[in-house]
């Protein structure tokens, strides 16, 4: 299981504590140091069944500074994937990648249902 996170993110820290409390082993990946690639994001989006917009960190400063709320609807999926792959701070976190199971963000009830 891959746990993609940003160490300064409070939600990521909560998610990490949750994983450890449930003795779930994972490989840790720092999203800013090793940003998900275009290919990874495309595959994860497909496997998750979620709209690509869910992979954007809509509460992040970069998202707001770039005014992506207004720009995303006019962008193609390819343009959105390239944008996400260009900067890890645009990607919603934490991300769990476990085979075909992809979890975006930390919702404790969803994690309990899908990981325990």
Protein backbone atom coordinates (compact mmCIF):
# COMPACT_ATOMS: atom_id res chain seq x y z
CA UNK A 1 0.00 0.00 0.00
CA UNK A 2 1.27 3.44 -0.96
CA UNK A 3 0.49 6.39 1.35
CA UNK A 4 1.09 9.67 -0.47
CA UNK A 5 1.13 12.63 1.85
CA UNK A 6 2.56 16.02 2.74
CA UNK A 7 4.13 15.95 6.24
CA UNK A 8 3.01 19.49 7.16
CA UNK A 9 -0.63 18.71 6.30
CA UNK A 10 -2.68 18.15 9.48
CA UNK A 11 -5.12 15.82 7.69
CA UNK A 12 -2.19 13.73 6.44
CA UNK A 13 -0.81 13.49 9.98
CA UNK A 14 -4.23 12.36 11.24
CA UNK A 15 -4.45 9.75 8.47
CA UNK A 16 -0.95 8.47 9.27
CA UNK A 17 -1.87 8.09 12.96
CA UNK A 18 -5.02 6.23 11.91
CA UNK A 19 -3.02 3.80 9.74
CA UNK A 20 -0.54 3.18 12.54
CA UNK A 21 -3.31 2.73 15.14
CA UNK A 22 -4.80 0.01 12.90
CA UNK A 23 -1.40 -1.64 12.27
CA UNK A 24 -1.66 -1.07 8.52
CA UNK A 25 1.71 -1.21 6.81
CA UNK A 26 2.41 1.22 4.00
CA UNK A 27 5.12 2.83 1.93
CA UNK A 28 5.33 6.55 2.66
CA UNK A 29 5.75 9.01 -0.22
CA UNK A 30 6.25 12.77 0.19
CA UNK A 31 4.01 14.40 -2.44
CA UNK A 32 6.15 17.51 -2.90
CA UNK A 33 9.41 15.57 -3.26
CA UNK A 34 8.01 12.80 -5.47
CA UNK A 35 4.98 14.18 -7.28
CA UNK A 36 2.62 11.67 -8.89
CA UNK A 37 3.30 11.38 -12.63
CA UNK A 38 0.84 11.98 -15.43
CA UNK A 39 0.60 8.22 -16.00
CA UNK A 40 0.03 7.46 -12.30
CA UNK A 41 -2.67 10.10 -11.97
CA UNK A 42 -4.42 8.91 -15.12
CA UNK A 43 -4.41 5.29 -13.88
CA UNK A 44 -5.54 6.25 -10.35
CA UNK A 45 -8.35 8.41 -11.69
CA UNK A 46 -9.57 5.54 -13.88
CA UNK A 47 -9.31 2.93 -11.09
CA UNK A 48 -10.99 5.13 -8.50
CA UNK A 49 -14.00 5.89 -10.68
CA UNK A 50 -13.88 9.43 -9.29
CA UNK A 51 -14.07 12.56 -11.41
CA UNK A 52 -10.62 14.04 -11.99
CA UNK A 53 -11.67 17.19 -10.12
CA UNK A 54 -11.61 15.12 -6.89
CA UNK A 55 -7.84 14.77 -7.27
CA UNK A 56 -7.34 18.54 -6.96
CA UNK A 57 -6.52 20.08 -3.58
CA UNK A 58 -9.30 22.66 -3.85
CA UNK A 59 -8.53 24.14 -0.43
CA UNK A 60 -4.85 24.69 -1.24
CA UNK A 61 -3.29 28.11 -1.74
CA UNK A 62 -1.87 27.21 -5.15
CA UNK A 63 -5.30 26.08 -6.40
CA UNK A 64 -6.79 29.40 -5.27
CA UNK A 65 -3.88 31.53 -6.54
CA UNK A 66 -4.16 29.92 -9.97
CA UNK A 67 -7.96 30.51 -9.96
CA UNK A 68 -8.49 26.89 -10.98
CA UNK A 69 -12.09 26.85 -9.78
CA UNK A 70 -12.92 28.96 -12.82
CA UNK A 71 -10.43 27.36 -15.23
CA UNK A 72 -10.91 23.61 -14.64
CA UNK A 73 -14.34 23.28 -16.26
CA UNK A 74 -12.91 24.52 -19.58
CA UNK A 75 -9.81 22.31 -19.43
CA UNK A 76 -9.56 18.88 -21.06
CA UNK A 77 -8.79 15.83 -18.94
CA UNK A 78 -5.30 15.74 -20.45
CA UNK A 79 -4.67 19.39 -19.51
CA UNK A 80 -5.89 18.71 -15.96
CA UNK A 81 -3.65 15.64 -15.62
CA UNK A 82 -0.62 17.59 -16.88
CA UNK A 83 -1.36 20.35 -14.38
CA UNK A 84 -1.65 17.88 -11.49
CA UNK A 85 1.56 16.12 -12.54
CA UNK A 86 3.41 19.45 -12.69
CA UNK A 87 3.00 20.29 -8.99
CA UNK A 88 2.29 17.94 -6.08
CA UNK A 89 0.78 20.77 -4.07
CA UNK A 90 -2.20 20.76 -6.45
CA UNK A 91 -2.96 17.10 -5.66
CA UNK A 92 -5.52 16.25 -2.97
CA UNK A 93 -3.93 14.40 -0.11
CA UNK A 94 -3.51 12.04 1.50
CA UNK A 95 -3.82 9.44 -1.22
CA UNK A 96 -3.95 5.69 -0.65
CA UNK A 97 -3.01 3.48 -3.59
CA UNK A 98 -3.48 -0.21 -2.93
CA UNK A 99 -3.79 -2.21 -6.14
CA UNK A 100 -7.15 -1.23 -7.66
CA UNK A 101 -8.23 0.57 -4.49
CA UNK A 102 -7.64 4.33 -4.54
CA UNK A 103 -8.68 6.60 -1.66
CA UNK A 104 -8.47 10.38 -2.07
CA UNK A 105 -8.45 12.50 1.09
CA UNK A 106 -8.99 11.21 4.61
CA UNK A 107 -12.54 10.29 5.59
CA UNK A 108 -12.30 7.98 8.58
CA UNK A 109 -15.57 6.14 7.90
CA UNK A 110 -14.57 5.45 4.28
CA UNK A 111 -11.10 4.25 5.34
CA UNK A 112 -12.63 1.93 7.98
CA UNK A 113 -14.98 0.47 5.41
CA UNK A 114 -12.36 0.00 2.70
CA UNK A 115 -9.15 -0.74 4.60
CA UNK A 116 -10.20 -2.80 7.63
